[in-house]
């Protein structure tokens, strides 16, 4: 998080303080890795239900060879 502070031009430990409730709590860290294999019939796919990604910092990477990352399908 310190590297993010520097790269975003924030004061030292800014992000850590923001997630710790002014020092009252330790920040929680979690990692989720998802892989979605190619679909043979994309016309039949509804996708995921509407959801919110938990947490304050989300890194989302899309495979450069397979497109399809959508926020809203058909609209």
PDB file of N, CA and C in Angstrom:
ATOM      1  N   UNK A   1       0.820  -1.184   0.000  1.00  0.00           N
ATOM      2  CA  UNK A   1       0.000   0.000   0.000  1.00  0.00           C
ATOM      3  C   UNK A   1       0.866   1.251   0.000  1.00  0.00           C
ATOM      4  N   UNK A   2       2.042   1.139   0.589  1.00  0.00           N
ATOM      5  CA  UNK A   2       2.912   2.306   0.616  1.00  0.00           C
ATOM      6  C   UNK A   2       3.315   2.721  -0.795  1.00  0.00           C
ATOM      7  N   UNK A   3       3.545   1.743  -1.670  1.00  0.00           N
ATOM      8  CA  UNK A   3       3.897   2.056  -3.054  1.00  0.00           C
ATOM      9  C   UNK A   3       2.743   2.766  -3.753  1.00  0.00           C
ATOM     10  N   UNK A   4       1.523   2.379  -3.440  1.00  0.00           N
ATOM     11  CA  UNK A   4       0.364   3.055  -4.029  1.00  0.00           C
ATOM     12  C   UNK A   4       0.280   4.492  -3.531  1.00  0.00           C
ATOM     13  N   UNK A   5       0.563   4.707  -2.249  1.00  0.00           N
ATOM     14  CA  UNK A   5       0.574   6.075  -1.713  1.00  0.00           C
ATOM     15  C   UNK A   5       1.514   6.955  -2.525  1.00  0.00           C
ATOM     16  N   UNK A   6       2.732   6.463  -2.729  1.00  0.00           N
ATOM     17  CA  UNK A   6       3.747   7.236  -3.451  1.00  0.00           C
ATOM     18  C   UNK A   6       3.295   7.506  -4.876  1.00  0.00           C
ATOM     19  N   UNK A   7       2.833   6.463  -5.574  1.00  0.00           N
ATOM     20  CA  UNK A   7       2.448   6.612  -6.980  1.00  0.00           C
ATOM     21  C   UNK A   7       1.212   7.473  -7.179  1.00  0.00           C
ATOM     22  N   UNK A   8       0.366   7.553  -6.169  1.00  0.00           N
ATOM     23  CA  UNK A   8      -0.827   8.399  -6.260  1.00  0.00           C
ATOM     24  C   UNK A   8      -0.590   9.790  -5.687  1.00  0.00           C
ATOM     25  N   UNK A   9       0.629  10.039  -5.193  1.00  0.00           N
ATOM     26  CA  UNK A   9       0.949  11.349  -4.642  1.00  0.00           C
ATOM     27  C   UNK A   9       0.290  11.620  -3.300  1.00  0.00           C
ATOM     28  N   UNK A  10       0.024  10.572  -2.535  1.00  0.00           N
ATOM     29  CA  UNK A  10      -0.626  10.718  -1.235  1.00  0.00           C
ATOM     30  C   UNK A  10       0.416  10.758  -0.131  1.00  0.00           C
ATOM     31  N   UNK A  11       0.019  11.245   1.021  1.00  0.00           N
ATOM     32  CA  UNK A  11       0.936  11.236   2.157  1.00  0.00           C
ATOM     33  C   UNK A  11       1.240   9.797   2.562  1.00  0.00           C
ATOM     34  N   UNK A  12       2.374   9.609   3.218  1.00  0.00           N
ATOM     35  CA  UNK A  12       2.810   8.276   3.624  1.00  0.00           C
ATOM     36  C   UNK A  12       1.763   7.598   4.508  1.00  0.00           C
ATOM     37  N   UNK A  13       1.477   6.335   4.211  1.00  0.00           N
ATOM     38  CA  UNK A  13       0.531   5.482   4.954  1.00  0.00           C
ATOM     39  C   UNK A  13      -0.927   5.961   4.865  1.00  0.00           C
ATOM     40  N   UNK A  14      -1.244   6.798   3.898  1.00  0.00           N
ATOM     41  CA  UNK A  14      -2.601   7.338   3.757  1.00  0.00           C
ATOM     42  C   UNK A  14      -3.632   6.223   3.565  1.00  0.00           C
ATOM     43  N   UNK A  15      -3.355   5.318   2.633  1.00  0.00           N
ATOM     44  CA  UNK A  15      -4.323   4.254   2.332  1.00  0.00           C
ATOM     45  C   UNK A  15      -4.477   3.316   3.521  1.00  0.00           C
ATOM     46  N   UNK A  16      -3.376   2.960   4.153  1.00  0.00           N
ATOM     47  CA  UNK A  16      -3.444   2.071   5.314  1.00  0.00           C
ATOM     48  C   UNK A  16      -4.270   2.707   6.425  1.00  0.00           C
ATOM     49  N   UNK A  17      -4.089   3.994   6.655  1.00  0.00           N
ATOM     50  CA  UNK A  17      -4.871   4.696   7.677  1.00  0.00           C
ATOM     51  C   UNK A  17      -6.354   4.719   7.300  1.00  0.00           C
ATOM     52  N   UNK A  18      -6.636   4.916   6.018  1.00  0.00           N
ATOM     53  CA  UNK A  18      -8.028   4.980   5.567  1.00  0.00           C
ATOM     54  C   UNK A  18      -8.754   3.659   5.805  1.00  0.00           C
ATOM     55  N   UNK A  19      -8.036   2.550   5.686  1.00  0.00           N
ATOM     56  CA  UNK A  19      -8.647   1.240   5.867  1.00  0.00           C
ATOM     57  C   UNK A  19      -8.579   0.740   7.299  1.00  0.00           C
ATOM     58  N   UNK A  20      -7.909   1.446   8.173  1.00  0.00           N
ATOM     59  CA  UNK A  20      -7.757   0.957   9.541  1.00  0.00           C
ATOM     60  C   UNK A  20      -8.647   1.679  10.537  1.00  0.00           C
ATOM     61  N   UNK A  21      -9.501   2.578  10.072  1.00  0.00           N
ATOM     62  CA  UNK A  21     -10.378   3.298  10.993  1.00  0.00           C
ATOM     63  C   UNK A  21      -9.595   4.143  11.980  1.00  0.00           C
ATOM     64  N   UNK A  22      -8.637   4.922  11.468  1.00  0.00           N
ATOM     65  CA  UNK A  22      -7.796   5.789  12.300  1.00  0.00           C
ATOM     66  C   UNK A  22      -7.025   5.014  13.359  1.00  0.00           C
ATOM     67  N   UNK A  23      -6.572   3.814  12.999  1.00  0.00           N
ATOM     68  CA  UNK A  23      -5.743   3.034  13.904  1.00  0.00           C
ATOM     69  C   UNK A  23      -6.502   2.140  14.863  1.00  0.00           C
ATOM     70  N   UNK A  24      -7.819   2.177  14.838  1.00  0.00           N
ATOM     71  CA  UNK A  24      -8.608   1.349  15.759  1.00  0.00           C
ATOM     72  C   UNK A  24      -8.668  -0.105  15.325  1.00  0.00           C
ATOM     73  N   UNK A  25      -8.508  -0.357  14.034  1.00  0.00           N
ATOM     74  CA  UNK A  25      -8.627  -1.715  13.502  1.00  0.00           C
ATOM     75  C   UNK A  25      -7.454  -1.991  12.577  1.00  0.00           C
ATOM     76  N   UNK A  26      -7.085  -3.257  12.475  1.00  0.00           N
ATOM     77  CA  UNK A  26      -6.085  -3.642  11.489  1.00  0.00           C
ATOM     78  C   UNK A  26      -6.786  -3.788  10.146  1.00  0.00           C
ATOM     79  N   UNK A  27      -6.169  -3.309   9.067  1.00  0.00           N
ATOM     80  CA  UNK A  27      -6.786  -3.498   7.753  1.00  0.00           C
ATOM     81  C   UNK A  27      -6.830  -4.978   7.391  1.00  0.00           C
ATOM     82  N   UNK A  28      -7.871  -5.376   6.702  1.00  0.00           N
ATOM     83  CA  UNK A  28      -8.017  -6.757   6.251  1.00  0.00           C
ATOM     84  C   UNK A  28      -7.571  -6.853   4.802  1.00  0.00           C
ATOM     85  N   UNK A  29      -6.896  -7.918   4.483  1.00  0.00           N
ATOM     86  CA  UNK A  29      -6.435  -8.136   3.124  1.00  0.00           C
ATOM     87  C   UNK A  29      -6.973  -9.471   2.642  1.00  0.00           C
ATOM     88  N   UNK A  30      -7.379  -9.519   1.410  1.00  0.00           N
ATOM     89  CA  UNK A  30      -7.859 -10.764   0.842  1.00  0.00           C
ATOM     90  C   UNK A  30      -7.511 -10.818  -0.631  1.00  0.00           C
ATOM     91  N   UNK A  31      -7.475 -12.013  -1.144  1.00  0.00           N
ATOM     92  CA  UNK A  31      -7.179 -12.205  -2.555  1.00  0.00           C
ATOM     93  C   UNK A  31      -8.203 -13.167  -3.132  1.00  0.00           C
ATOM     94  N   UNK A  32      -8.694 -12.828  -4.283  1.00  0.00           N
ATOM     95  CA  UNK A  32      -9.600 -13.722  -4.999  1.00  0.00           C
ATOM     96  C   UNK A  32      -9.084 -13.832  -6.425  1.00  0.00           C
ATOM     97  N   UNK A  33      -8.930 -15.035  -6.885  1.00  0.00           N
ATOM     98  CA  UNK A  33      -8.494 -15.271  -8.251  1.00  0.00           C
ATOM     99  C   UNK A  33      -9.585 -16.081  -8.933  1.00  0.00           C
ATOM    100  N   UNK A  34     -10.087 -15.562 -10.029  1.00  0.00           N
ATOM    101  CA  UNK A  34     -11.137 -16.261 -10.781  1.00  0.00           C
ATOM    102  C   UNK A  34     -10.648 -16.513 -12.200  1.00  0.00           C
ATOM    103  N   UNK A  35     -11.034 -17.641 -12.734  1.00  0.00           N
ATOM    104  CA  UNK A  35     -10.713 -17.975 -14.118  1.00  0.00           C
ATOM    105  C   UNK A  35     -11.995 -18.461 -14.782  1.00  0.00           C
ATOM    106  N   UNK A  36     -12.308 -17.880 -15.903  1.00  0.00           N
ATOM    107  CA  UNK A  36     -13.498 -18.276 -16.645  1.00  0.00           C
ATOM    108  C   UNK A  36     -13.039 -18.822 -17.991  1.00  0.00           C
ATOM    109  N   UNK A  37     -13.123 -20.139 -18.200  1.00  0.00           N
ATOM    110  CA  UNK A  37     -12.655 -20.726 -19.460  1.00  0.00           C
ATOM    111  C   UNK A  37     -13.535 -20.282 -20.623  1.00  0.00           C
ATOM    112  N   UNK A  38     -13.017 -20.398 -21.853  1.00  0.00           N
ATOM    113  CA  UNK A  38     -13.819 -20.027 -23.021  1.00  0.00           C
ATOM    114  C   UNK A  38     -15.136 -20.794 -23.055  1.00  0.00           C
ATOM    115  N   UNK A  39     -16.168 -20.126 -23.493  1.00  0.00           N
ATOM    116  CA  UNK A  39     -17.502 -20.723 -23.559  1.00  0.00           C
ATOM    117  C   UNK A  39     -17.805 -21.115 -25.005  1.00  0.00           C
ATOM    118  N   UNK A  40     -18.197 -22.366 -25.236  1.00  0.00           N
ATOM    119  CA  UNK A  40     -18.483 -22.787 -26.605  1.00  0.00           C
ATOM    120  C   UNK A  40     -19.765 -22.173 -27.174  1.00  0.00           C
ATOM    121  N   UNK A  41     -20.681 -21.714 -26.318  1.00  0.00           N
ATOM    122  CA  UNK A  41     -21.943 -21.115 -26.782  1.00  0.00           C
ATOM    123  C   UNK A  41     -22.197 -19.793 -26.057  1.00  0.00           C
ATOM    124  N   UNK A  42     -21.435 -18.745 -26.369  1.00  0.00           N
ATOM    125  CA  UNK A  42     -21.601 -17.485 -25.645  1.00  0.00           C
ATOM    126  C   UNK A  42     -22.987 -16.868 -25.803  1.00  0.00           C
ATOM    127  N   UNK A  43     -23.716 -17.256 -26.849  1.00  0.00           N
ATOM    128  CA  UNK A  43     -25.065 -16.725 -27.041  1.00  0.00           C
ATOM    129  C   UNK A  43     -26.036 -17.223 -25.964  1.00  0.00           C
ATOM    130  N   UNK A  44     -25.671 -18.281 -25.248  1.00  0.00           N
ATOM    131  CA  UNK A  44     -26.535 -18.830 -24.205  1.00  0.00           C
ATOM    132  C   UNK A  44     -26.143 -18.374 -22.795  1.00  0.00           C
ATOM    133  N   UNK A  45     -25.128 -17.531 -22.694  1.00  0.00           N
ATOM    134  CA  UNK A  45     -24.606 -17.125 -21.389  1.00  0.00           C
ATOM    135  C   UNK A  45     -25.327 -15.889 -20.879  1.00  0.00           C
ATOM    136  N   UNK A  46     -25.767 -15.946 -19.633  1.00  0.00           N
ATOM    137  CA  UNK A  46     -26.370 -14.780 -18.992  1.00  0.00           C
ATOM    138  C   UNK A  46     -25.348 -13.969 -18.211  1.00  0.00           C
ATOM    139  N   UNK A  47     -24.252 -14.573 -17.807  1.00  0.00           N
ATOM    140  CA  UNK A  47     -23.235 -13.888 -17.016  1.00  0.00           C
ATOM    141  C   UNK A  47     -23.540 -13.961 -15.533  1.00  0.00           C
ATOM    142  N   UNK A  48     -22.810 -13.187 -14.768  1.00  0.00           N
ATOM    143  CA  UNK A  48     -23.010 -13.151 -13.320  1.00  0.00           C
ATOM    144  C   UNK A  48     -24.174 -12.242 -12.978  1.00  0.00           C
ATOM    145  N   UNK A  49     -24.792 -12.522 -11.845  1.00  0.00           N
ATOM    146  CA  UNK A  49     -25.851 -11.624 -11.376  1.00  0.00           C
ATOM    147  C   UNK A  49     -25.215 -10.286 -10.999  1.00  0.00           C
ATOM    148  N   UNK A  50     -26.008  -9.271 -10.883  1.00  0.00           N
ATOM    149  CA  UNK A  50     -25.499  -7.970 -10.453  1.00  0.00           C
ATOM    150  C   UNK A  50     -24.848  -8.128  -9.089  1.00  0.00           C
ATOM    151  N   UNK A  51     -23.675  -7.533  -8.917  1.00  0.00           N
ATOM    152  CA  UNK A  51     -22.971  -7.671  -7.649  1.00  0.00           C
ATOM    153  C   UNK A  51     -22.042  -6.485  -7.436  1.00  0.00           C
ATOM    154  N   UNK A  52     -21.569  -6.368  -6.237  1.00  0.00           N
ATOM    155  CA  UNK A  52     -20.578  -5.362  -5.876  1.00  0.00           C
ATOM    156  C   UNK A  52     -19.339  -6.090  -5.398  1.00  0.00           C
ATOM    157  N   UNK A  53     -18.191  -5.694  -5.907  1.00  0.00           N
ATOM    158  CA  UNK A  53     -16.944  -6.276  -5.430  1.00  0.00           C
ATOM    159  C   UNK A  53     -16.611  -5.666  -4.083  1.00  0.00           C
ATOM    160  N   UNK A  54     -16.414  -6.519  -3.090  1.00  0.00           N
ATOM    161  CA  UNK A  54     -16.101  -6.044  -1.743  1.00  0.00           C
ATOM    162  C   UNK A  54     -14.674  -5.520  -1.704  1.00  0.00           C
ATOM    163  N   UNK A  55     -14.442  -4.558  -0.867  1.00  0.00           N
ATOM    164  CA  UNK A  55     -13.096  -4.035  -0.687  1.00  0.00           C
ATOM    165  C   UNK A  55     -12.947  -2.644  -1.249  1.00  0.00           C
ATOM    166  N   UNK A  56     -11.799  -2.102  -1.021  1.00  0.00           N
ATOM    167  CA  UNK A  56     -11.554  -0.736  -1.448  1.00  0.00           C
ATOM    168  C   UNK A  56     -10.669  -0.626  -2.663  1.00  0.00           C
ATOM    169  N   UNK A  57      -9.857  -1.634  -2.920  1.00  0.00           N
ATOM    170  CA  UNK A  57      -8.955  -1.614  -4.064  1.00  0.00           C
ATOM    171  C   UNK A  57      -9.158  -2.912  -4.830  1.00  0.00           C
ATOM    172  N   UNK A  58      -9.556  -2.793  -6.076  1.00  0.00           N
ATOM    173  CA  UNK A  58      -9.815  -3.963  -6.913  1.00  0.00           C
ATOM    174  C   UNK A  58      -8.886  -3.900  -8.120  1.00  0.00           C
ATOM    175  N   UNK A  59      -8.138  -4.956  -8.353  1.00  0.00           N
ATOM    176  CA  UNK A  59      -7.336  -5.082  -9.562  1.00  0.00           C
ATOM    177  C   UNK A  59      -8.056  -6.070 -10.465  1.00  0.00           C
ATOM    178  N   UNK A  60      -8.411  -5.638 -11.653  1.00  0.00           N
ATOM    179  CA  UNK A  60      -9.168  -6.475 -12.577  1.00  0.00           C
ATOM    180  C   UNK A  60      -8.384  -6.582 -13.877  1.00  0.00           C
ATOM    181  N   UNK A  61      -7.976  -7.782 -14.214  1.00  0.00           N
ATOM    182  CA  UNK A  61      -7.189  -8.013 -15.414  1.00  0.00           C
ATOM    183  C   UNK A  61      -7.999  -8.847 -16.392  1.00  0.00           C
ATOM    184  N   UNK A  62      -7.969  -8.444 -17.655  1.00  0.00           N
ATOM    185  CA  UNK A  62      -8.649  -9.203 -18.696  1.00  0.00           C
ATOM    186  C   UNK A  62      -7.598  -9.799 -19.615  1.00  0.00           C
ATOM    187  N   UNK A  63      -7.794 -11.048 -19.994  1.00  0.00           N
ATOM    188  CA  UNK A  63      -6.896 -11.713 -20.928  1.00  0.00           C
ATOM    189  C   UNK A  63      -6.933 -10.956 -22.251  1.00  0.00           C
ATOM    190  N   UNK A  64      -5.770 -10.616 -22.783  1.00  0.00           N
ATOM    191  CA  UNK A  64      -5.721  -9.848 -24.020  1.00  0.00           C
ATOM    192  C   UNK A  64      -6.157 -10.660 -25.235  1.00  0.00           C
ATOM    193  N   UNK A  65      -6.214 -11.982 -25.116  1.00  0.00           N
ATOM    194  CA  UNK A  65      -6.596 -12.820 -26.248  1.00  0.00           C
ATOM    195  C   UNK A  65      -8.092 -13.111 -26.294  1.00  0.00           C
ATOM    196  N   UNK A  66      -8.760 -12.951 -25.172  1.00  0.00           N
ATOM    197  CA  UNK A  66     -10.186 -13.269 -25.111  1.00  0.00           C
ATOM    198  C   UNK A  66     -10.930 -12.050 -24.603  1.00  0.00           C
ATOM    199  N   UNK A  67     -11.784 -11.494 -25.421  1.00  0.00           N
ATOM    200  CA  UNK A  67     -12.574 -10.340 -25.016  1.00  0.00           C
ATOM    201  C   UNK A  67     -13.818 -10.770 -24.272  1.00  0.00           C
ATOM    202  N   UNK A  68     -14.604  -9.812 -23.856  1.00  0.00           N
ATOM    203  CA  UNK A  68     -15.891 -10.140 -23.278  1.00  0.00           C
ATOM    204  C   UNK A  68     -16.156  -9.581 -21.905  1.00  0.00           C
ATOM    205  N   UNK A  69     -15.181  -8.905 -21.294  1.00  0.00           N
ATOM    206  CA  UNK A  69     -15.437  -8.303 -19.998  1.00  0.00           C
ATOM    207  C   UNK A  69     -16.468  -7.198 -20.188  1.00  0.00           C
ATOM    208  N   UNK A  70     -17.602  -7.327 -19.512  1.00  0.00           N
ATOM    209  CA  UNK A  70     -18.688  -6.368 -19.686  1.00  0.00           C
ATOM    210  C   UNK A  70     -19.209  -5.917 -18.340  1.00  0.00           C
ATOM    211  N   UNK A  71     -19.599  -4.667 -18.297  1.00  0.00           N
ATOM    212  CA  UNK A  71     -20.256  -4.166 -17.099  1.00  0.00           C
ATOM    213  C   UNK A  71     -21.748  -4.437 -17.211  1.00  0.00           C
ATOM    214  N   UNK A  72     -22.318  -4.147 -18.342  1.00  0.00           N
ATOM    215  CA  UNK A  72     -23.727  -4.458 -18.603  1.00  0.00           C
ATOM    216  C   UNK A  72     -23.817  -5.164 -19.954  1.00  0.00           C
ATOM    217  N   UNK A  73     -24.451  -6.314 -19.967  1.00  0.00           N
ATOM    218  CA  UNK A  73     -24.638  -7.038 -21.226  1.00  0.00           C
ATOM    219  C   UNK A  73     -25.867  -6.489 -21.942  1.00  0.00           C
ATOM    220  N   UNK A  74     -25.714  -6.186 -23.203  1.00  0.00           N
ATOM    221  CA  UNK A  74     -26.814  -5.679 -24.039  1.00  0.00           C
ATOM    222  C   UNK A  74     -27.451  -4.422 -23.446  1.00  0.00           C
ATOM    223  N   UNK A  75     -26.660  -3.553 -22.924  1.00  0.00           N
ATOM    224  CA  UNK A  75     -27.286  -2.328 -22.473  1.00  0.00           C
ATOM    225  C   UNK A  75     -26.565  -1.628 -21.407  1.00  0.00           C
TER     226      UNK A  75
END
